[in-house]
């Protein structure tokens, strides 16, 4: 999980308490903790598998023959129905996550997805396939509403940033497996060419159902339920070799407990409207909604779900070549996203977001120019350049909008709003995806290369927004980061539990209403 166990930044109030007598990879209990985190990361891989599988299936003659060559609105529905299933579960997921616990929500989601993949694999008609994909989305909501929270709440302090950044990054691990699975099965001369990839989609959920009940529950959730002894034992076991008297464990426990007590009082009046009640929460909501929309409306939706159509439009029509490009693109994305996620504490979230958006503006513009040149003049070299710029565009997209969007959402939210805020994030992602999945194939067919100009303007807006509103949060605890958005008022409320002197000084120089973004 990224770097060793020492936090070197002076701003983190756990830095002086973390024992550095041995690196984390020689600590058996930290290795075990990271193995549980890897189990939770599977949720994102399952989601990535689904998107890439649907991309690959569109290049398979056997799949098209089984479902009468879906086009236009029906093809859009086949892709969008998973996110419609997600929408149906959002009203319930935060209450289940907060009420029954993070582990239970992950286990329930995995069970629903496993059942859905069985139905999907056995589909005899398009209606059965669509119904199965709806259920996949419904189950995914419960799992993804809890998995990132549990990762951030059990991770070792010096590894939390990298661990939560890996959550969205391993989306591409599932995507790679799906891409190369469809590449390997496309020569099967029967419906098993698409049924085999569909069946393999259930394997990660099966692993999660089997093992999730042995994973640690969130100490923050345990404390919120009055289970202090269990929370302390969990922190001590994984963060200090079982030593409940360890200074790090004591500081973590007291800081979490203090915030939970305050949040328990506040929670009596906490509802969805709380996301908009205070200036700090409005700042959070503005950033969360924007990042969710940007993550899907940056032009990436065209190649995520309709790469086959894009490649056909630039003269790359062979199924073998299309599947090969899909597989290589996913490997490229995975390597860049993982690298950026592991460097998030060193480079900073804001820096990565700025470099990402500026790079996307540049390479999407170049991609648009080459696409236009091929469309108007049939310039083969321009068509090939489009493929190169797709890879470069995704390289910059993956610097921030793959590894950071989930982790940044989780870390800027206070505990009492964390489940609801993350649900709002995924809800916005799903709505954005549904719009994209319906509109992109229709608009691309109607406008061709001119549709790319829309994204050029939108990406420029994204860069301006990130510069104006995204704050730096590197090397801070969850409690410190949430205080960054609230100013002096929240800092004073949680002061007995200790914020770093750096954060206190920063907050004292800002008003409780306005915080100047860190540049």
Protein backbone atom coordinates (compact mmCIF):
# COMPACT_ATOMS: atom_id res chain seq x y z
CA UNK A 1 0.00 0.00 0.00
CA UNK A 2 2.21 2.79 -1.15
CA UNK A 3 4.90 4.12 1.14
CA UNK A 4 6.19 2.92 4.48
CA UNK A 5 4.51 3.52 7.79
CA UNK A 6 5.91 6.96 8.54
CA UNK A 7 4.04 10.18 7.81
CA UNK A 8 6.64 12.77 7.10
CA UNK A 9 4.36 15.80 6.77
CA UNK A 10 4.42 18.06 9.79
CA UNK A 11 0.73 18.84 9.36
CA UNK A 12 -0.48 15.40 10.31
CA UNK A 13 -1.05 15.04 14.06
CA UNK A 14 -0.37 11.27 13.99
CA UNK A 15 3.12 11.67 12.53
CA UNK A 16 5.02 11.57 15.78
CA UNK A 17 3.03 8.64 17.13
CA UNK A 18 3.52 6.11 14.34
CA UNK A 19 6.10 3.48 15.19
CA UNK A 20 8.74 3.11 12.47
CA UNK A 21 10.87 0.28 13.87
CA UNK A 22 9.98 -1.90 10.88
CA UNK A 23 8.41 -1.33 7.45
CA UNK A 24 4.73 -2.21 7.02
CA UNK A 25 5.44 -5.14 4.70
CA UNK A 26 7.20 -6.89 7.62
CA UNK A 27 4.27 -6.31 9.97
CA UNK A 28 1.99 -9.36 9.83
CA UNK A 29 -1.09 -7.57 11.11
CA UNK A 30 -0.70 -4.65 8.74
CA UNK A 31 -0.34 -7.14 5.90
CA UNK A 32 -3.55 -8.80 7.09
CA UNK A 33 -5.29 -5.41 7.24
CA UNK A 34 -4.19 -4.61 3.71
CA UNK A 35 -5.44 -8.00 2.56
CA UNK A 36 -8.90 -7.09 3.93
CA UNK A 37 -8.65 -3.77 2.11
CA UNK A 38 -7.85 -5.68 -1.09
CA UNK A 39 -11.03 -7.72 -0.55
CA UNK A 40 -13.02 -4.49 -0.38
CA UNK A 41 -11.32 -3.13 -3.50
CA UNK A 42 -12.90 -6.03 -5.42
CA UNK A 43 -16.18 -4.06 -5.45
CA UNK A 44 -14.67 -1.47 -7.77
CA UNK A 45 -13.12 -4.20 -9.95
CA UNK A 46 -16.55 -5.81 -10.35
CA UNK A 47 -17.94 -2.50 -11.60
CA UNK A 48 -15.01 -2.08 -13.98
CA UNK A 49 -15.50 -5.60 -15.30
CA UNK A 50 -19.10 -4.82 -16.17
CA UNK A 51 -18.32 -1.69 -18.20
CA UNK A 52 -15.49 -3.29 -20.15
CA UNK A 53 -17.45 -6.50 -20.73
CA UNK A 54 -20.32 -4.56 -22.29
CA UNK A 55 -17.82 -2.72 -24.47
CA UNK A 56 -16.30 -6.00 -25.61
CA UNK A 57 -19.61 -7.77 -26.18
CA UNK A 58 -20.60 -5.14 -28.74
CA UNK A 59 -17.71 -6.38 -30.91
CA UNK A 60 -18.86 -10.03 -30.70
CA UNK A 61 -21.00 -11.29 -33.58
CA UNK A 62 -22.33 -14.06 -31.29
CA UNK A 63 -23.69 -11.54 -28.76
CA UNK A 64 -25.23 -9.36 -31.46
CA UNK A 65 -26.85 -12.42 -33.02
CA UNK A 66 -28.27 -13.58 -29.67
CA UNK A 67 -29.99 -10.24 -29.11
CA UNK A 68 -30.89 -9.29 -32.70
CA UNK A 69 -28.15 -6.68 -33.22
CA UNK A 70 -29.23 -4.03 -30.68
CA UNK A 71 -28.85 -0.47 -31.95
CA UNK A 72 -29.73 3.07 -30.93
CA UNK A 73 -32.09 3.30 -27.96
CA UNK A 74 -32.03 -0.44 -27.22
CA UNK A 75 -28.22 -0.46 -27.13
CA UNK A 76 -28.33 2.61 -24.91
CA UNK A 77 -30.76 0.83 -22.57
CA UNK A 78 -28.55 -2.28 -22.39
CA UNK A 79 -25.70 -0.11 -21.15
CA UNK A 80 -27.76 2.29 -19.04
CA UNK A 81 -29.94 -0.28 -17.25
CA UNK A 82 -27.19 -1.11 -14.77
CA UNK A 83 -27.14 2.50 -13.61
CA UNK A 84 -30.93 2.60 -13.51
CA UNK A 85 -30.65 -0.34 -11.09
CA UNK A 86 -28.18 1.72 -9.06
CA UNK A 87 -30.67 4.58 -8.88
CA UNK A 88 -33.37 2.27 -7.55
CA UNK A 89 -31.18 1.28 -4.57
CA UNK A 90 -29.88 4.72 -3.59
CA UNK A 91 -32.83 5.59 -1.30
CA UNK A 92 -31.98 2.57 0.87
CA UNK A 93 -28.17 2.18 0.77
CA UNK A 94 -27.04 4.91 3.22
CA UNK A 95 -29.51 3.75 5.88
CA UNK A 96 -28.39 0.14 5.50
CA UNK A 97 -24.73 1.16 5.60
CA UNK A 98 -25.19 3.26 8.75
CA UNK A 99 -27.75 0.97 10.37
CA UNK A 100 -26.43 -2.54 9.75
CA UNK A 101 -22.76 -1.74 9.29
CA UNK A 102 -20.27 -1.49 6.44
CA UNK A 103 -19.56 -5.25 6.22
CA UNK A 104 -23.23 -6.23 5.99
CA UNK A 105 -23.87 -3.77 3.17
CA UNK A 106 -20.89 -5.08 1.17
CA UNK A 107 -22.01 -8.69 1.72
CA UNK A 108 -25.60 -7.98 0.67
CA UNK A 109 -24.48 -6.16 -2.46
CA UNK A 110 -22.15 -9.00 -3.44
CA UNK A 111 -24.92 -11.57 -2.94
CA UNK A 112 -27.30 -9.64 -5.20
CA UNK A 113 -24.64 -9.22 -7.90
CA UNK A 114 -23.79 -12.93 -7.79
CA UNK A 115 -27.45 -13.86 -8.29
CA UNK A 116 -27.70 -11.35 -11.14
CA UNK A 117 -24.68 -12.72 -13.01
CA UNK A 118 -26.21 -16.22 -12.89
CA UNK A 119 -29.37 -14.83 -14.55
CA UNK A 120 -27.31 -12.81 -17.03
CA UNK A 121 -25.26 -15.83 -18.06
CA UNK A 122 -28.41 -17.91 -18.57
CA UNK A 123 -30.25 -15.18 -20.54
CA UNK A 124 -32.34 -16.48 -23.42
CA UNK A 125 -33.60 -13.12 -24.66
CA UNK A 126 -32.80 -9.43 -24.39
CA UNK A 127 -35.43 -8.81 -21.68
CA UNK A 128 -33.82 -11.40 -19.41
CA UNK A 129 -30.40 -9.86 -20.03
CA UNK A 130 -31.69 -6.36 -19.24
CA UNK A 131 -33.36 -7.58 -16.02
CA UNK A 132 -30.12 -9.21 -14.86
CA UNK A 133 -28.15 -6.04 -15.49
CA UNK A 134 -30.71 -4.03 -13.51
CA UNK A 135 -30.14 -6.38 -10.55
CA UNK A 136 -26.35 -6.04 -10.93
CA UNK A 137 -26.70 -2.29 -10.56
CA UNK A 138 -29.08 -2.65 -7.61
CA UNK A 139 -26.60 -4.85 -5.72
CA UNK A 140 -23.62 -2.74 -6.71
CA UNK A 141 -25.11 0.29 -4.97
CA UNK A 142 -25.11 -1.42 -1.56
CA UNK A 143 -21.55 -2.68 -1.97
CA UNK A 144 -20.04 0.54 -3.31
CA UNK A 145 -21.86 2.66 -0.71
CA UNK A 146 -19.99 0.82 2.05
CA UNK A 147 -16.67 -0.48 0.66
CA UNK A 148 -14.87 2.90 0.28
CA UNK A 149 -16.09 3.98 3.71
CA UNK A 150 -14.79 0.82 5.36
CA UNK A 151 -11.43 1.16 3.57
CA UNK A 152 -10.95 4.74 4.74
CA UNK A 153 -12.08 3.95 8.29
CA UNK A 154 -9.86 0.90 8.91
CA UNK A 155 -6.72 1.85 6.93
CA UNK A 156 -3.46 2.58 8.75
CA UNK A 157 -3.13 6.40 9.07
CA UNK A 158 -0.09 6.74 6.81
CA UNK A 159 -1.68 4.55 4.15
CA UNK A 160 -5.24 5.87 4.15
CA UNK A 161 -4.72 8.25 1.22
CA UNK A 162 -3.19 5.59 -0.99
CA UNK A 163 -5.68 2.90 0.06
CA UNK A 164 -8.76 4.98 -0.68
CA UNK A 165 -7.23 6.24 -3.93
CA UNK A 166 -6.72 2.65 -5.02
CA UNK A 167 -10.47 2.00 -4.70
CA UNK A 168 -11.47 3.65 -7.95
CA UNK A 169 -8.14 2.81 -9.61
CA UNK A 170 -8.72 -0.95 -9.46
CA UNK A 171 -11.84 -0.38 -11.55
CA UNK A 172 -9.41 -0.93 -14.40
CA UNK A 173 -8.23 -4.26 -13.01
CA UNK A 174 -11.72 -5.64 -13.57
CA UNK A 175 -11.85 -3.82 -16.87
CA UNK A 176 -8.58 -5.44 -18.03
CA UNK A 177 -9.79 -8.92 -17.09
CA UNK A 178 -13.07 -8.39 -18.96
CA UNK A 179 -11.36 -6.94 -22.04
CA UNK A 180 -8.94 -9.84 -22.40
CA UNK A 181 -11.59 -12.42 -21.52
CA UNK A 182 -13.80 -11.23 -24.39
CA UNK A 183 -10.71 -11.14 -26.61
CA UNK A 184 -9.99 -14.76 -25.69
CA UNK A 185 -13.53 -16.04 -26.21
CA UNK A 186 -14.59 -14.23 -29.39
CA UNK A 187 -13.60 -17.24 -31.56
CA UNK A 188 -15.98 -19.60 -29.72
CA UNK A 189 -18.61 -20.37 -32.39
CA UNK A 190 -21.60 -20.25 -30.05
CA UNK A 191 -23.29 -18.07 -27.44
CA UNK A 192 -20.63 -19.18 -24.93
CA UNK A 193 -18.44 -16.51 -26.53
CA UNK A 194 -20.39 -14.01 -24.41
CA UNK A 195 -21.70 -16.33 -21.69
CA UNK A 196 -18.18 -17.16 -20.42
CA UNK A 197 -17.26 -13.49 -19.75
CA UNK A 198 -20.69 -13.02 -18.15
CA UNK A 199 -20.20 -15.99 -15.82
CA UNK A 200 -16.75 -14.81 -14.72
CA UNK A 201 -18.31 -11.52 -13.63
CA UNK A 202 -19.76 -13.32 -10.61
CA UNK A 203 -16.40 -14.64 -9.31
CA UNK A 204 -15.36 -11.47 -7.37
CA UNK A 205 -18.76 -11.34 -5.65
CA UNK A 206 -18.43 -14.99 -4.67
CA UNK A 207 -15.05 -14.29 -3.07
CA UNK A 208 -16.48 -11.32 -1.16
CA UNK A 209 -19.50 -13.24 0.15
CA UNK A 210 -17.21 -15.98 1.44
CA UNK A 211 -14.70 -13.76 3.24
CA UNK A 212 -16.32 -10.41 4.13
CA UNK A 213 -17.72 -11.65 7.44
CA UNK A 214 -14.18 -12.20 8.76
CA UNK A 215 -13.02 -8.68 7.88
CA UNK A 216 -12.81 -5.97 10.57
CA UNK A 217 -15.79 -3.65 11.01
CA UNK A 218 -15.24 0.10 11.00
CA UNK A 219 -14.08 1.37 14.43
CA UNK A 220 -15.99 4.59 13.72
CA UNK A 221 -19.19 2.65 13.07
CA UNK A 222 -18.64 0.50 16.19
CA UNK A 223 -18.16 3.60 18.32
CA UNK A 224 -21.29 5.16 16.84
CA UNK A 225 -23.17 2.08 18.09
CA UNK A 226 -21.69 2.26 21.59
CA UNK A 227 -19.40 -0.73 21.05
CA UNK A 228 -16.28 0.97 22.40
CA UNK A 229 -14.46 -2.18 23.49
CA UNK A 230 -14.71 -3.73 20.01
CA UNK A 231 -13.62 -0.49 18.37
CA UNK A 232 -10.54 -0.19 20.62
CA UNK A 233 -9.58 -3.84 20.06
CA UNK A 234 -9.89 -3.42 16.27
CA UNK A 235 -7.66 -0.35 16.24
CA UNK A 236 -5.12 -1.97 18.55
CA UNK A 237 -5.04 -5.30 16.71
CA UNK A 238 -4.36 -3.86 13.27
CA UNK A 239 -2.56 -0.60 14.06
CA UNK A 240 -0.39 -1.55 17.07
CA UNK A 241 0.09 -5.34 17.24
CA UNK A 242 -2.74 -5.60 19.75
CA UNK A 243 -1.34 -3.05 22.23
CA UNK A 244 -4.33 -1.06 23.49
CA UNK A 245 -1.98 1.29 25.38
CA UNK A 246 -0.10 2.32 22.24
CA UNK A 247 -0.05 6.16 21.92
CA UNK A 248 -1.19 6.01 18.28
CA UNK A 249 -4.19 3.85 19.17
CA UNK A 250 -5.02 6.11 22.11
CA UNK A 251 -4.93 9.22 19.92
CA UNK A 252 -7.00 7.59 17.18
CA UNK A 253 -9.55 6.26 19.63
CA UNK A 254 -9.98 9.54 21.49
CA UNK A 255 -10.19 11.62 18.33
CA UNK A 256 -12.75 9.31 16.75
CA UNK A 257 -14.72 9.05 19.99
CA UNK A 258 -14.83 12.79 20.45
CA UNK A 259 -16.07 13.35 16.92
CA UNK A 260 -18.59 10.52 17.17
CA UNK A 261 -20.02 11.98 20.41
CA UNK A 262 -20.37 15.37 18.79
CA UNK A 263 -21.81 13.84 15.64
CA UNK A 264 -24.25 11.70 17.64
CA UNK A 265 -25.77 14.89 19.04
CA UNK A 266 -25.77 16.50 15.63
CA UNK A 267 -27.18 13.39 13.97
CA UNK A 268 -30.54 13.90 15.67
CA UNK A 269 -31.16 16.67 13.18
CA UNK A 270 -29.12 15.23 10.30
CA UNK A 271 -31.01 14.44 7.12
CA UNK A 272 -30.39 14.86 3.44
CA UNK A 273 -30.99 18.59 3.80
CA UNK A 274 -27.93 18.75 6.07
CA UNK A 275 -25.78 18.54 2.95
CA UNK A 276 -26.92 22.09 2.19
CA UNK A 277 -27.54 23.62 5.64
CA UNK A 278 -24.12 25.07 6.47
CA UNK A 279 -21.56 26.92 4.34
CA UNK A 280 -19.08 24.07 4.85
CA UNK A 281 -21.55 21.42 3.73
CA UNK A 282 -22.56 23.48 0.72
CA UNK A 283 -18.87 23.67 -0.26
CA UNK A 284 -18.60 19.90 0.06
CA UNK A 285 -21.78 19.25 -1.91
CA UNK A 286 -20.73 21.59 -4.69
CA UNK A 287 -17.39 19.82 -5.08
CA UNK A 288 -18.83 16.30 -4.72
CA UNK A 289 -21.54 16.83 -7.35
CA UNK A 290 -19.12 18.54 -9.72
CA UNK A 291 -16.48 15.79 -9.50
CA UNK A 292 -19.14 13.12 -10.01
CA UNK A 293 -20.38 14.85 -13.17
CA UNK A 294 -16.86 15.57 -14.43
CA UNK A 295 -15.87 11.93 -13.96
CA UNK A 296 -18.46 10.91 -16.57
CA UNK A 297 -18.84 13.99 -18.78
CA UNK A 298 -15.22 14.52 -19.72
CA UNK A 299 -15.49 12.67 -23.02
CA UNK A 300 -14.41 9.40 -21.42
CA UNK A 301 -17.97 8.07 -21.74
CA UNK A 302 -17.51 7.77 -25.50
CA UNK A 303 -14.65 5.29 -25.20
CA UNK A 304 -15.78 3.64 -21.96
CA UNK A 305 -18.98 2.25 -23.43
CA UNK A 306 -18.82 2.97 -27.17
CA UNK A 307 -15.19 2.38 -28.11
CA UNK A 308 -16.32 -0.01 -30.84
CA UNK A 309 -18.43 2.73 -32.44
CA UNK A 310 -15.65 5.33 -32.14
CA UNK A 311 -13.09 3.01 -33.72
CA UNK A 312 -15.48 2.15 -36.54
CA UNK A 313 -15.93 5.87 -37.24
CA UNK A 314 -12.16 6.31 -37.71
CA UNK A 315 -11.85 3.29 -40.00
CA UNK A 316 -10.84 0.58 -37.50
CA UNK A 317 -13.52 -2.04 -38.15
CA UNK A 318 -12.06 -5.49 -37.44
CA UNK A 319 -13.31 -7.21 -34.26
CA UNK A 320 -9.84 -8.56 -33.46
CA UNK A 321 -8.20 -5.13 -33.66
CA UNK A 322 -11.01 -3.45 -31.71
CA UNK A 323 -10.81 -5.98 -28.89
CA UNK A 324 -7.00 -5.72 -28.84
CA UNK A 325 -7.14 -1.91 -28.56
CA UNK A 326 -9.73 -2.22 -25.79
CA UNK A 327 -7.45 -4.59 -23.86
CA UNK A 328 -4.34 -2.42 -24.26
CA UNK A 329 -6.21 0.77 -23.32
CA UNK A 330 -7.37 -0.78 -20.07
CA UNK A 331 -3.84 -1.86 -19.14
CA UNK A 332 -2.61 1.67 -19.85
CA UNK A 333 -5.37 3.16 -17.70
CA UNK A 334 -4.65 0.77 -14.84
CA UNK A 335 -0.93 1.55 -14.71
CA UNK A 336 -1.45 5.34 -14.77
CA UNK A 337 -4.28 5.30 -12.21
CA UNK A 338 -2.43 3.08 -9.73
CA UNK A 339 0.74 5.18 -10.04
CA UNK A 340 -1.17 8.43 -9.45
CA UNK A 341 -3.06 6.95 -6.51
CA UNK A 342 0.13 5.86 -4.78
CA UNK A 343 1.64 9.32 -5.26
CA UNK A 344 -1.38 11.28 -4.03
CA UNK A 345 0.15 12.08 -0.63
CA UNK A 346 3.41 13.23 -2.18
CA UNK A 347 2.06 15.26 -5.09
CA UNK A 348 -1.21 16.40 -3.52
CA UNK A 349 -4.83 16.08 -4.65
CA UNK A 350 -5.16 19.61 -5.99
CA UNK A 351 -2.00 19.33 -8.11
CA UNK A 352 -3.18 16.07 -9.64
CA UNK A 353 -6.64 17.51 -10.41
CA UNK A 354 -5.16 20.59 -12.08
CA UNK A 355 -2.66 18.66 -14.22
CA UNK A 356 -5.39 16.17 -15.13
CA UNK A 357 -7.95 18.72 -16.35
CA UNK A 358 -5.43 20.82 -18.30
CA UNK A 359 -4.01 17.71 -19.98
CA UNK A 360 -7.50 16.53 -20.93
CA UNK A 361 -8.30 19.88 -22.55
CA UNK A 362 -5.13 19.69 -24.67
CA UNK A 363 -5.44 16.11 -25.87
CA UNK A 364 -9.21 16.12 -26.38
CA UNK A 365 -8.76 19.19 -28.59
CA UNK A 366 -6.08 17.41 -30.62
CA UNK A 367 -8.30 14.32 -30.82
CA UNK A 368 -11.15 16.49 -32.15
CA UNK A 369 -8.96 18.05 -34.83
CA UNK A 370 -7.76 14.65 -36.05
CA UNK A 371 -11.26 13.14 -35.96
CA UNK A 372 -12.51 16.05 -38.09
CA UNK A 373 -9.62 15.64 -40.52
CA UNK A 374 -10.39 11.95 -40.98
CA UNK A 375 -14.16 12.51 -41.27
CA UNK A 376 -13.86 15.29 -43.85
CA UNK A 377 -10.82 14.24 -45.87
CA UNK A 378 -10.52 10.50 -45.01
CA UNK A 379 -6.94 11.13 -43.90
CA UNK A 380 -5.79 7.72 -42.64
CA UNK A 381 -2.88 9.20 -40.65
CA UNK A 382 -5.33 11.46 -38.81
CA UNK A 383 -7.47 8.43 -37.99
CA UNK A 384 -4.48 6.66 -36.47
CA UNK A 385 -3.59 9.84 -34.54
CA UNK A 386 -7.04 9.75 -32.94
CA UNK A 387 -6.13 6.39 -31.38
CA UNK A 388 -2.87 7.83 -30.02
CA UNK A 389 -4.66 10.84 -28.56
CA UNK A 390 -7.28 8.58 -26.94
CA UNK A 391 -4.44 6.93 -24.98
CA UNK A 392 -2.87 10.29 -24.05
CA UNK A 393 -6.23 11.79 -23.07
CA UNK A 394 -6.92 8.84 -20.79
CA UNK A 395 -3.44 9.12 -19.31
CA UNK A 396 -4.30 12.59 -18.00
CA UNK A 397 -7.86 11.59 -17.03
CA UNK A 398 -6.38 8.77 -14.93
CA UNK A 399 -4.14 11.11 -12.94
CA UNK A 400 -7.08 12.38 -10.89
CA UNK A 401 -10.52 11.31 -12.07
CA UNK A 402 -9.85 7.63 -11.58
CA UNK A 403 -7.93 7.45 -8.27
CA UNK A 404 -9.14 10.54 -6.42
CA UNK A 405 -12.86 11.13 -6.95
CA UNK A 406 -14.05 8.51 -4.45
CA UNK A 407 -11.26 9.03 -1.92
CA UNK A 408 -11.61 12.82 -2.05
CA UNK A 409 -15.38 12.54 -1.52
CA UNK A 410 -14.93 10.27 1.50
CA UNK A 411 -12.22 12.33 3.18
CA UNK A 412 -13.90 15.74 2.93
CA UNK A 413 -17.12 14.51 4.60
CA UNK A 414 -17.67 14.39 8.39
CA UNK A 415 -18.71 11.01 9.80
CA UNK A 416 -22.41 11.84 10.22
CA UNK A 417 -22.70 12.77 6.51
CA UNK A 418 -20.20 10.32 5.04
CA UNK A 419 -22.68 7.64 3.92
CA UNK A 420 -25.20 10.17 2.60
CA UNK A 421 -22.53 12.22 0.85
CA UNK A 422 -21.03 9.16 -0.82
CA UNK A 423 -24.52 8.07 -1.89
CA UNK A 424 -25.07 11.52 -3.40
CA UNK A 425 -21.78 11.12 -5.27
CA UNK A 426 -22.70 7.72 -6.74
CA UNK A 427 -26.25 8.89 -7.48
CA UNK A 428 -24.84 11.80 -9.50
CA UNK A 429 -22.44 9.44 -11.28
CA UNK A 430 -25.31 7.14 -12.23
CA UNK A 431 -27.51 9.96 -13.51
CA UNK A 432 -24.57 11.31 -15.52
CA UNK A 433 -23.85 7.85 -16.91
CA UNK A 434 -27.47 7.23 -17.90
CA UNK A 435 -27.55 10.53 -19.76
CA UNK A 436 -24.23 9.74 -21.45
CA UNK A 437 -25.21 6.20 -22.40
CA UNK A 438 -28.40 7.36 -24.04
CA UNK A 439 -27.14 10.57 -25.60
CA UNK A 440 -23.64 9.64 -26.78
CA UNK A 441 -24.55 7.07 -29.46
CA UNK A 442 -27.38 9.24 -30.77
CA UNK A 443 -25.35 12.47 -30.80
CA UNK A 444 -22.26 10.79 -32.25
CA UNK A 445 -24.33 9.34 -35.09
CA UNK A 446 -26.07 12.67 -35.78
CA UNK A 447 -23.15 15.09 -35.38
CA UNK A 448 -20.04 12.97 -35.95
CA UNK A 449 -16.81 14.84 -35.14
CA UNK A 450 -18.73 18.05 -34.30
CA UNK A 451 -20.02 16.38 -31.14
CA UNK A 452 -16.45 16.41 -29.84
CA UNK A 453 -16.51 20.24 -29.78
CA UNK A 454 -19.07 20.12 -26.97
CA UNK A 455 -16.56 18.32 -24.76
CA UNK A 456 -13.77 20.77 -25.64
CA UNK A 457 -15.81 23.61 -24.11
CA UNK A 458 -16.92 21.50 -21.15
CA UNK A 459 -13.37 20.40 -20.30
CA UNK A 460 -12.25 24.02 -20.24
CA UNK A 461 -15.00 24.72 -17.70
CA UNK A 462 -13.82 21.76 -15.59
CA UNK A 463 -10.30 23.19 -15.40
CA UNK A 464 -11.65 26.55 -14.20
CA UNK A 465 -13.85 24.87 -11.56
CA UNK A 466 -11.03 22.74 -10.18
CA UNK A 467 -8.77 25.79 -9.89
CA UNK A 468 -11.45 27.73 -8.02
CA UNK A 469 -12.93 25.14 -5.64
CA UNK A 470 -10.77 22.05 -5.04
CA UNK A 471 -8.82 22.34 -1.76
CA UNK A 472 -5.61 20.49 -0.90
CA UNK A 473 -6.14 17.71 1.67
CA UNK A 474 -2.92 15.71 1.60
CA UNK A 475 -1.37 14.46 4.84
CA UNK A 476 -4.42 15.16 7.01
CA UNK A 477 -6.58 12.86 9.12
CA UNK A 478 -10.25 12.40 8.22
CA UNK A 479 -11.19 14.68 11.11
CA UNK A 480 -8.71 17.40 10.08
CA UNK A 481 -9.85 17.29 6.48
CA UNK A 482 -13.52 17.68 7.36
CA UNK A 483 -12.58 20.69 9.54
CA UNK A 484 -10.85 22.27 6.54
CA UNK A 485 -14.23 22.82 4.89
CA UNK A 486 -16.00 24.11 8.01
CA UNK A 487 -13.61 26.74 9.30
CA UNK A 488 -13.24 27.92 12.89
CA UNK A 489 -16.64 26.74 14.11
CA UNK A 490 -16.07 23.07 13.51
CA UNK A 491 -12.44 23.29 14.53
CA UNK A 492 -13.44 24.68 17.91
CA UNK A 493 -16.10 21.99 18.36
CA UNK A 494 -13.57 19.22 17.87
CA UNK A 495 -10.59 20.99 19.43
CA UNK A 496 -10.46 18.80 22.59
CA UNK A 497 -9.63 15.87 20.36
CA UNK A 498 -6.71 17.68 18.81
CA UNK A 499 -6.14 19.19 15.40
CA UNK A 500 -2.62 19.83 14.28
CA UNK A 501 -1.19 23.27 14.98
CA UNK A 502 -0.85 23.80 11.22
CA UNK A 503 -4.59 23.29 10.70
CA UNK A 504 -5.50 25.46 13.71
CA UNK A 505 -3.32 28.28 12.41
CA UNK A 506 -4.83 27.93 8.95
CA UNK A 507 -8.36 27.98 10.34
CA UNK A 508 -7.72 30.96 12.58
CA UNK A 509 -6.65 32.95 9.54
CA UNK A 510 -9.92 32.16 7.74
CA UNK A 511 -13.45 33.13 8.65
CA UNK A 512 -15.96 30.46 9.56
CA UNK A 513 -17.80 31.25 6.35
CA UNK A 514 -15.08 31.53 3.75
CA UNK A 515 -11.96 29.44 3.27
CA UNK A 516 -9.45 30.45 0.65
CA UNK A 517 -8.51 27.42 -1.49
CA UNK A 518 -4.94 26.25 -1.01
CA UNK A 519 -2.91 26.84 -4.13
